[in-house]
Amino acid sequence: MSWRGSTTVSDRIFACLPYLLPLVEVFRFGIFLFRQFPPLGLLFLPLQPLIAIYFGVPFAGLIIFFALFLLVVRKENISHFIRFNTLQAILLDIVIFLFSILTQLIGIIPAGGFAIQTLYTTIFLGTIAAVVFSVIQSLMGRYAEIPAISEAAYMQLR
């Protein structure tokens, strides 16, 4: 859906960049999948410097979150397309954060390793699918429609 006007090539590229945040954040949920399929880890090799900085600097996620929200989403002079995709990436990151709290709570209960592995893999693959879908749609100049998350992003940007 591109109801806010046409998007330029630079808008499309800048709209894809915020999706690095949920991609880096969900990396830790792929640990069981990376153990079973080591070549899959090679796909994340270009992101290793970002992952090292993100998890090495204290409160890096919080700093990036506020920087994106205050410097991109709340600026009216930035294209709606870029602001929408940035907010959608932030909302995906919040969902991943909530899942990490949930998995910590479930990890306390001795439910067995298979359930945790399945939950981690599902979260990882679901987030990767959402990010890939959003990036492809952004590169095509379309608004990525992810149920509930896109609706929340639209409500915040009106």
N, C-alpha and C. Protein backbone atom coordinates (compact mmCIF):
# COMPACT_ATOMS: atom_id res chain seq x y z
N MET A 1 0.85 -1.16 0.00
CA MET A 1 0.00 0.00 0.00
C MET A 1 0.89 1.22 0.00
N SER A 2 0.74 2.08 -0.95
CA SER A 2 1.56 3.27 -1.01
C SER A 2 0.68 4.49 -1.19
N TRP A 3 -0.14 4.74 -0.20
CA TRP A 3 -1.14 5.79 -0.27
C TRP A 3 -0.61 7.16 0.12
N ARG A 4 0.62 7.26 0.57
CA ARG A 4 1.18 8.54 0.97
C ARG A 4 2.03 9.17 -0.13
N GLY A 5 1.95 8.66 -1.33
CA GLY A 5 2.74 9.20 -2.43
C GLY A 5 3.83 8.23 -2.83
N SER A 6 4.56 8.61 -3.83
CA SER A 6 5.62 7.73 -4.32
C SER A 6 6.83 7.82 -3.40
N THR A 7 7.62 6.77 -3.42
CA THR A 7 8.82 6.73 -2.60
C THR A 7 10.04 6.74 -3.50
N THR A 8 11.07 7.41 -3.06
CA THR A 8 12.31 7.46 -3.81
C THR A 8 13.17 6.25 -3.44
N VAL A 9 14.22 6.04 -4.20
CA VAL A 9 15.12 4.92 -3.93
C VAL A 9 15.80 5.10 -2.57
N SER A 10 16.18 6.32 -2.25
CA SER A 10 16.83 6.55 -0.95
C SER A 10 15.84 6.31 0.19
N ASP A 11 14.57 6.68 0.01
CA ASP A 11 13.56 6.38 1.03
C ASP A 11 13.42 4.88 1.24
N ARG A 12 13.47 4.14 0.18
CA ARG A 12 13.33 2.68 0.27
C ARG A 12 14.51 2.07 1.02
N ILE A 13 15.70 2.57 0.75
CA ILE A 13 16.89 2.04 1.43
C ILE A 13 16.88 2.42 2.90
N PHE A 14 16.57 3.69 3.20
CA PHE A 14 16.53 4.12 4.60
C PHE A 14 15.41 3.43 5.38
N ALA A 15 14.33 3.06 4.69
CA ALA A 15 13.24 2.34 5.35
C ALA A 15 13.64 0.92 5.73
N CYS A 16 14.62 0.36 5.04
CA CYS A 16 15.08 -1.01 5.34
C CYS A 16 16.05 -1.06 6.52
N LEU A 17 16.79 0.00 6.75
CA LEU A 17 17.84 -0.02 7.78
C LEU A 17 17.34 -0.29 9.20
N PRO A 18 16.20 0.25 9.63
CA PRO A 18 15.77 -0.03 11.01
C PRO A 18 15.47 -1.50 11.28
N TYR A 19 15.26 -2.28 10.25
CA TYR A 19 14.98 -3.70 10.46
C TYR A 19 16.22 -4.47 10.91
N LEU A 20 17.38 -3.81 10.94
CA LEU A 20 18.56 -4.43 11.52
C LEU A 20 18.38 -4.62 13.03
N LEU A 21 17.60 -3.73 13.66
CA LEU A 21 17.39 -3.82 15.11
C LEU A 21 16.72 -5.13 15.52
N PRO A 22 15.55 -5.49 14.97
CA PRO A 22 14.99 -6.79 15.37
C PRO A 22 15.82 -7.97 14.87
N LEU A 23 16.54 -7.80 13.77
CA LEU A 23 17.37 -8.88 13.26
C LEU A 23 18.51 -9.19 14.22
N VAL A 24 19.13 -8.16 14.77
CA VAL A 24 20.21 -8.35 15.74
C VAL A 24 19.64 -8.87 17.06
N GLU A 25 18.50 -8.34 17.47
CA GLU A 25 17.90 -8.73 18.75
C GLU A 25 17.47 -10.20 18.76
N VAL A 26 16.98 -10.70 17.64
CA VAL A 26 16.47 -12.08 17.60
C VAL A 26 17.59 -13.10 17.42
N PHE A 27 18.80 -12.65 17.20
CA PHE A 27 19.93 -13.55 16.96
C PHE A 27 20.08 -14.57 18.08
N ARG A 28 19.89 -14.15 19.32
CA ARG A 28 20.08 -15.07 20.45
C ARG A 28 19.04 -16.19 20.49
N PHE A 29 17.89 -15.98 19.85
CA PHE A 29 16.88 -17.03 19.82
C PHE A 29 17.21 -18.12 18.79
N GLY A 30 18.17 -17.88 17.95
CA GLY A 30 18.55 -18.86 16.94
C GLY A 30 19.62 -19.83 17.38
N ILE A 31 19.98 -19.80 18.65
CA ILE A 31 21.10 -20.60 19.14
C ILE A 31 20.89 -22.10 18.89
N PHE A 32 19.70 -22.59 19.13
CA PHE A 32 19.45 -24.03 18.93
C PHE A 32 19.44 -24.38 17.45
N LEU A 33 18.93 -23.50 16.63
CA LEU A 33 18.91 -23.73 15.19
C LEU A 33 20.32 -23.68 14.61
N PHE A 34 21.16 -22.79 15.13
CA PHE A 34 22.54 -22.69 14.66
C PHE A 34 23.35 -23.93 15.05
N ARG A 35 23.01 -24.53 16.20
CA ARG A 35 23.71 -25.75 16.60
C ARG A 35 23.35 -26.92 15.68
N GLN A 36 22.09 -26.98 15.26
CA GLN A 36 21.66 -28.07 14.41
C GLN A 36 22.09 -27.88 12.96
N PHE A 37 22.12 -26.62 12.51
CA PHE A 37 22.49 -26.30 11.13
C PHE A 37 23.59 -25.23 11.14
N PRO A 38 24.84 -25.61 11.35
CA PRO A 38 25.94 -24.64 11.42
C PRO A 38 26.07 -23.73 10.20
N PRO A 39 25.80 -24.20 8.96
CA PRO A 39 25.92 -23.28 7.83
C PRO A 39 24.94 -22.10 7.89
N LEU A 40 23.86 -22.26 8.64
CA LEU A 40 22.90 -21.16 8.79
C LEU A 40 23.53 -19.96 9.49
N GLY A 41 24.48 -20.23 10.35
CA GLY A 41 25.19 -19.15 11.05
C GLY A 41 26.01 -18.28 10.11
N LEU A 42 26.39 -18.84 8.96
CA LEU A 42 27.16 -18.06 7.99
C LEU A 42 26.35 -16.89 7.42
N LEU A 43 25.03 -17.03 7.40
CA LEU A 43 24.19 -15.93 6.91
C LEU A 43 24.26 -14.72 7.82
N PHE A 44 24.55 -14.95 9.10
CA PHE A 44 24.63 -13.85 10.06
C PHE A 44 26.06 -13.34 10.23
N LEU A 45 27.00 -13.90 9.49
CA LEU A 45 28.39 -13.49 9.60
C LEU A 45 28.59 -11.99 9.32
N PRO A 46 27.93 -11.40 8.30
CA PRO A 46 28.12 -9.95 8.09
C PRO A 46 27.58 -9.10 9.24
N LEU A 47 26.68 -9.64 10.04
CA LEU A 47 26.12 -8.88 11.16
C LEU A 47 26.91 -9.02 12.45
N GLN A 48 27.96 -9.84 12.45
CA GLN A 48 28.72 -10.10 13.68
C GLN A 48 29.26 -8.83 14.34
N PRO A 49 29.82 -7.86 13.60
CA PRO A 49 30.27 -6.63 14.27
C PRO A 49 29.12 -5.88 14.96
N LEU A 50 27.97 -5.81 14.30
CA LEU A 50 26.81 -5.14 14.91
C LEU A 50 26.33 -5.90 16.14
N ILE A 51 26.32 -7.21 16.05
CA ILE A 51 25.87 -8.03 17.18
C ILE A 51 26.82 -7.86 18.36
N ALA A 52 28.13 -7.82 18.08
CA ALA A 52 29.11 -7.65 19.15
C ALA A 52 28.95 -6.30 19.83
N ILE A 53 28.73 -5.26 19.06
CA ILE A 53 28.54 -3.92 19.63
C ILE A 53 27.23 -3.87 20.41
N TYR A 54 26.17 -4.42 19.82
CA TYR A 54 24.84 -4.36 20.43
C TYR A 54 24.81 -5.05 21.79
N PHE A 55 25.40 -6.23 21.88
CA PHE A 55 25.39 -6.96 23.14
C PHE A 55 26.57 -6.61 24.03
N GLY A 56 27.59 -5.93 23.49
CA GLY A 56 28.76 -5.55 24.27
C GLY A 56 28.61 -4.23 24.99
N VAL A 57 27.87 -3.30 24.43
CA VAL A 57 27.69 -1.98 25.04
C VAL A 57 26.47 -2.05 25.96
N PRO A 58 26.65 -1.65 27.22
CA PRO A 58 25.49 -1.67 28.12
C PRO A 58 24.39 -0.72 27.64
N PHE A 59 23.18 -1.18 27.68
CA PHE A 59 21.99 -0.41 27.30
C PHE A 59 21.99 0.05 25.84
N ALA A 60 22.71 -0.65 24.99
CA ALA A 60 22.76 -0.28 23.57
C ALA A 60 21.37 -0.37 22.94
N GLY A 61 20.63 -1.41 23.28
CA GLY A 61 19.28 -1.57 22.72
C GLY A 61 18.37 -0.43 23.12
N LEU A 62 18.45 -0.01 24.36
CA LEU A 62 17.62 1.09 24.84
C LEU A 62 18.01 2.42 24.19
N ILE A 63 19.30 2.63 24.03
CA ILE A 63 19.79 3.86 23.39
C ILE A 63 19.34 3.91 21.93
N ILE A 64 19.47 2.80 21.21
CA ILE A 64 19.05 2.74 19.81
C ILE A 64 17.54 2.93 19.70
N PHE A 65 16.80 2.31 20.62
CA PHE A 65 15.35 2.44 20.63
C PHE A 65 14.93 3.91 20.74
N PHE A 66 15.45 4.61 21.74
CA PHE A 66 15.08 6.01 21.92
C PHE A 66 15.60 6.90 20.79
N ALA A 67 16.77 6.60 20.27
CA ALA A 67 17.30 7.39 19.16
C ALA A 67 16.40 7.26 17.93
N LEU A 68 16.01 6.04 17.59
CA LEU A 68 15.13 5.85 16.45
C LEU A 68 13.76 6.49 16.68
N PHE A 69 13.23 6.30 17.88
CA PHE A 69 11.90 6.83 18.16
C PHE A 69 11.89 8.35 18.14
N LEU A 70 12.85 8.98 18.80
CA LEU A 70 12.84 10.44 18.92
C LEU A 70 13.39 11.14 17.68
N LEU A 71 14.39 10.54 17.02
CA LEU A 71 15.03 11.22 15.91
C LEU A 71 14.44 10.88 14.55
N VAL A 72 13.65 9.80 14.47
CA VAL A 72 13.07 9.41 13.18
C VAL A 72 11.55 9.43 13.24
N VAL A 73 10.99 8.66 14.15
CA VAL A 73 9.53 8.49 14.17
C VAL A 73 8.81 9.79 14.49
N ARG A 74 9.32 10.57 15.40
CA ARG A 74 8.64 11.80 15.82
C ARG A 74 8.97 13.02 14.96
N LYS A 75 9.79 12.88 13.96
CA LYS A 75 10.13 14.01 13.08
C LYS A 75 9.17 14.05 11.91
N GLU A 76 8.36 15.08 11.84
CA GLU A 76 7.36 15.21 10.78
C GLU A 76 7.97 15.47 9.41
N ASN A 77 9.19 16.02 9.38
CA ASN A 77 9.80 16.34 8.08
C ASN A 77 10.42 15.12 7.39
N ILE A 78 10.48 13.99 8.08
CA ILE A 78 10.97 12.74 7.47
C ILE A 78 9.79 12.05 6.80
N SER A 79 10.05 11.42 5.71
CA SER A 79 9.03 10.73 4.93
C SER A 79 8.20 9.77 5.78
N HIS A 80 6.90 9.74 5.53
CA HIS A 80 6.00 8.85 6.25
C HIS A 80 6.42 7.39 6.06
N PHE A 81 6.88 7.06 4.89
CA PHE A 81 7.32 5.70 4.58
C PHE A 81 8.46 5.27 5.49
N ILE A 82 9.43 6.12 5.68
CA ILE A 82 10.58 5.81 6.55
C ILE A 82 10.12 5.74 8.00
N ARG A 83 9.29 6.69 8.43
CA ARG A 83 8.82 6.70 9.81
C ARG A 83 7.98 5.46 10.12
N PHE A 84 7.13 5.06 9.17
CA PHE A 84 6.30 3.87 9.37
C PHE A 84 7.17 2.63 9.53
N ASN A 85 8.13 2.45 8.65
CA ASN A 85 8.99 1.26 8.72
C ASN A 85 9.87 1.27 9.96
N THR A 86 10.31 2.44 10.38
CA THR A 86 11.09 2.53 11.61
C THR A 86 10.25 2.15 12.82
N LEU A 87 9.03 2.66 12.87
CA LEU A 87 8.15 2.32 13.99
C LEU A 87 7.79 0.84 13.97
N GLN A 88 7.58 0.29 12.80
CA GLN A 88 7.27 -1.13 12.70
C GLN A 88 8.45 -1.97 13.18
N ALA A 89 9.67 -1.58 12.84
CA ALA A 89 10.85 -2.30 13.32
C ALA A 89 10.98 -2.18 14.84
N ILE A 90 10.67 -1.01 15.39
CA ILE A 90 10.69 -0.82 16.84
C ILE A 90 9.65 -1.72 17.51
N LEU A 91 8.47 -1.79 16.93
CA LEU A 91 7.42 -2.64 17.50
C LEU A 91 7.81 -4.11 17.43
N LEU A 92 8.44 -4.53 16.35
CA LEU A 92 8.95 -5.90 16.27
C LEU A 92 9.98 -6.16 17.36
N ASP A 93 10.83 -5.18 17.62
CA ASP A 93 11.84 -5.30 18.67
C ASP A 93 11.18 -5.41 20.04
N ILE A 94 10.11 -4.66 20.27
CA ILE A 94 9.39 -4.75 21.54
C ILE A 94 8.77 -6.14 21.71
N VAL A 95 8.23 -6.69 20.64
CA VAL A 95 7.66 -8.04 20.69
C VAL A 95 8.76 -9.05 21.03
N ILE A 96 9.92 -8.90 20.45
CA ILE A 96 11.04 -9.82 20.75
C ILE A 96 11.44 -9.68 22.22
N PHE A 97 11.46 -8.44 22.72
CA PHE A 97 11.80 -8.20 24.13
C PHE A 97 10.78 -8.89 25.04
N LEU A 98 9.50 -8.78 24.71
CA LEU A 98 8.47 -9.44 25.52
C LEU A 98 8.62 -10.96 25.46
N PHE A 99 8.97 -11.48 24.29
CA PHE A 99 9.22 -12.93 24.19
C PHE A 99 10.42 -13.34 25.02
N SER A 100 11.44 -12.49 25.10
CA SER A 100 12.61 -12.84 25.91
C SER A 100 12.24 -12.90 27.39
N ILE A 101 11.37 -12.01 27.83
CA ILE A 101 10.89 -12.08 29.22
C ILE A 101 10.09 -13.37 29.43
N LEU A 102 9.23 -13.69 28.47
CA LEU A 102 8.43 -14.91 28.56
C LEU A 102 9.31 -16.15 28.61
N THR A 103 10.33 -16.20 27.78
CA THR A 103 11.19 -17.38 27.77
C THR A 103 12.01 -17.49 29.05
N GLN A 104 12.34 -16.37 29.66
CA GLN A 104 13.03 -16.42 30.95
C GLN A 104 12.12 -16.98 32.03
N LEU A 105 10.84 -16.59 31.98
CA LEU A 105 9.89 -17.13 32.95
C LEU A 105 9.64 -18.61 32.73
N ILE A 106 9.54 -19.01 31.47
CA ILE A 106 9.32 -20.43 31.16
C ILE A 106 10.57 -21.23 31.50
N GLY A 107 11.74 -20.63 31.36
CA GLY A 107 12.98 -21.32 31.68
C GLY A 107 13.11 -21.67 33.15
N ILE A 108 12.39 -20.95 34.01
CA ILE A 108 12.42 -21.25 35.45
C ILE A 108 11.70 -22.57 35.74
N ILE A 109 10.62 -22.81 34.99
CA ILE A 109 9.84 -24.03 35.18
C ILE A 109 10.57 -25.19 34.50
N PRO A 110 10.80 -26.28 35.20
CA PRO A 110 11.49 -27.41 34.57
C PRO A 110 10.56 -28.16 33.61
N ALA A 111 10.32 -27.58 32.44
CA ALA A 111 9.38 -28.16 31.48
C ALA A 111 10.07 -29.07 30.47
N GLY A 112 11.35 -29.02 30.41
CA GLY A 112 12.06 -29.85 29.43
C GLY A 112 12.69 -28.99 28.35
N GLY A 113 13.77 -29.47 27.80
CA GLY A 113 14.53 -28.73 26.81
C GLY A 113 13.87 -28.62 25.46
N PHE A 114 13.08 -29.63 25.10
CA PHE A 114 12.47 -29.62 23.77
C PHE A 114 11.48 -28.47 23.61
N ALA A 115 10.70 -28.18 24.64
CA ALA A 115 9.72 -27.09 24.58
C ALA A 115 10.42 -25.74 24.42
N ILE A 116 11.49 -25.54 25.14
CA ILE A 116 12.25 -24.28 25.05
C ILE A 116 12.88 -24.15 23.67
N GLN A 117 13.45 -25.24 23.17
CA GLN A 117 14.07 -25.22 21.84
C GLN A 117 13.04 -24.90 20.77
N THR A 118 11.87 -25.48 20.87
CA THR A 118 10.81 -25.22 19.90
C THR A 118 10.35 -23.77 19.97
N LEU A 119 10.19 -23.25 21.18
CA LEU A 119 9.77 -21.86 21.35
C LEU A 119 10.82 -20.91 20.79
N TYR A 120 12.09 -21.14 21.10
CA TYR A 120 13.17 -20.29 20.59
C TYR A 120 13.21 -20.32 19.06
N THR A 121 13.11 -21.50 18.48
CA THR A 121 13.18 -21.63 17.03
C THR A 121 11.98 -20.96 16.37
N THR A 122 10.81 -21.09 16.97
CA THR A 122 9.61 -20.46 16.41
C THR A 122 9.73 -18.94 16.45
N ILE A 123 10.19 -18.41 17.56
CA ILE A 123 10.37 -16.95 17.67
C ILE A 123 11.39 -16.48 16.64
N PHE A 124 12.49 -17.21 16.52
CA PHE A 124 13.54 -16.83 15.58
C PHE A 124 13.04 -16.83 14.14
N LEU A 125 12.42 -17.94 13.73
CA LEU A 125 11.96 -18.05 12.34
C LEU A 125 10.82 -17.07 12.04
N GLY A 126 9.93 -16.85 12.99
CA GLY A 126 8.85 -15.89 12.79
C GLY A 126 9.36 -14.47 12.62
N THR A 127 10.33 -14.10 13.42
CA THR A 127 10.89 -12.75 13.30
C THR A 127 11.68 -12.60 12.01
N ILE A 128 12.44 -13.61 11.65
CA ILE A 128 13.20 -13.55 10.39
C ILE A 128 12.24 -13.41 9.22
N ALA A 129 11.15 -14.16 9.24
CA ALA A 129 10.15 -14.07 8.16
C ALA A 129 9.54 -12.67 8.10
N ALA A 130 9.21 -12.10 9.25
CA ALA A 130 8.63 -10.75 9.28
C ALA A 130 9.62 -9.70 8.77
N VAL A 131 10.88 -9.84 9.17
CA VAL A 131 11.90 -8.87 8.73
C VAL A 131 12.16 -9.00 7.24
N VAL A 132 12.30 -10.21 6.75
CA VAL A 132 12.55 -10.40 5.31
C VAL A 132 11.37 -9.88 4.49
N PHE A 133 10.16 -10.19 4.93
CA PHE A 133 8.97 -9.69 4.24
C PHE A 133 8.94 -8.17 4.23
N SER A 134 9.22 -7.56 5.36
CA SER A 134 9.18 -6.10 5.47
C SER A 134 10.26 -5.44 4.61
N VAL A 135 11.44 -6.01 4.60
CA VAL A 135 12.53 -5.44 3.80
C VAL A 135 12.21 -5.55 2.31
N ILE A 136 11.68 -6.69 1.88
CA ILE A 136 11.33 -6.86 0.46
C ILE A 136 10.23 -5.87 0.07
N GLN A 137 9.22 -5.74 0.92
CA GLN A 137 8.14 -4.79 0.63
C GLN A 137 8.68 -3.36 0.60
N SER A 138 9.57 -3.03 1.52
CA SER A 138 10.14 -1.68 1.55
C SER A 138 10.97 -1.40 0.31
N LEU A 139 11.75 -2.38 -0.12
CA LEU A 139 12.55 -2.19 -1.34
C LEU A 139 11.68 -2.01 -2.57
N MET A 140 10.49 -2.60 -2.53
CA MET A 140 9.55 -2.43 -3.65
C MET A 140 8.73 -1.14 -3.52
N GLY A 141 8.89 -0.43 -2.42
CA GLY A 141 8.17 0.82 -2.22
C GLY A 141 6.77 0.65 -1.66
N ARG A 142 6.51 -0.51 -1.09
CA ARG A 142 5.19 -0.80 -0.51
C ARG A 142 5.26 -0.82 1.01
N TYR A 143 4.14 -0.55 1.63
CA TYR A 143 4.04 -0.66 3.07
C TYR A 143 3.83 -2.13 3.43
N ALA A 144 4.69 -2.66 4.29
CA ALA A 144 4.57 -4.06 4.72
C ALA A 144 3.44 -4.17 5.73
N GLU A 145 2.50 -5.04 5.44
CA GLU A 145 1.34 -5.23 6.31
C GLU A 145 1.54 -6.47 7.17
N ILE A 146 1.99 -6.27 8.41
CA ILE A 146 2.11 -7.35 9.38
C ILE A 146 0.94 -7.19 10.34
N PRO A 147 0.10 -8.21 10.48
CA PRO A 147 -1.09 -8.07 11.33
C PRO A 147 -0.75 -7.57 12.73
N ALA A 148 -1.56 -6.70 13.24
CA ALA A 148 -1.47 -6.09 14.56
C ALA A 148 -0.31 -5.09 14.66
N ILE A 149 0.86 -5.43 14.19
CA ILE A 149 2.00 -4.53 14.30
C ILE A 149 1.85 -3.35 13.35
N SER A 150 1.45 -3.61 12.11
CA SER A 150 1.25 -2.52 11.16
C SER A 150 0.10 -1.61 11.59
N GLU A 151 -0.95 -2.20 12.13
CA GLU A 151 -2.08 -1.41 12.60
C GLU A 151 -1.64 -0.48 13.74
N ALA A 152 -0.83 -1.00 14.64
CA ALA A 152 -0.32 -0.17 15.74
C ALA A 152 0.57 0.95 15.21
N ALA A 153 1.37 0.65 14.22
CA ALA A 153 2.24 1.67 13.63
C ALA A 153 1.42 2.75 12.94
N TYR A 154 0.38 2.35 12.20
CA TYR A 154 -0.49 3.33 11.55
C TYR A 154 -1.17 4.24 12.59
N MET A 155 -1.64 3.66 13.68
CA MET A 155 -2.32 4.46 14.72
C MET A 155 -1.37 5.47 15.35
N GLN A 156 -0.13 5.10 15.53
CA GLN A 156 0.83 6.02 16.16
C GLN A 156 1.26 7.15 15.24
N LEU A 157 1.22 6.92 13.94
CA LEU A 157 1.72 7.92 13.00
C LEU A 157 0.63 8.86 12.48
N ARG A 158 -0.59 8.68 12.83
CA ARG A 158 -1.64 9.56 12.35
C ARG A 158 -1.66 10.87 13.04
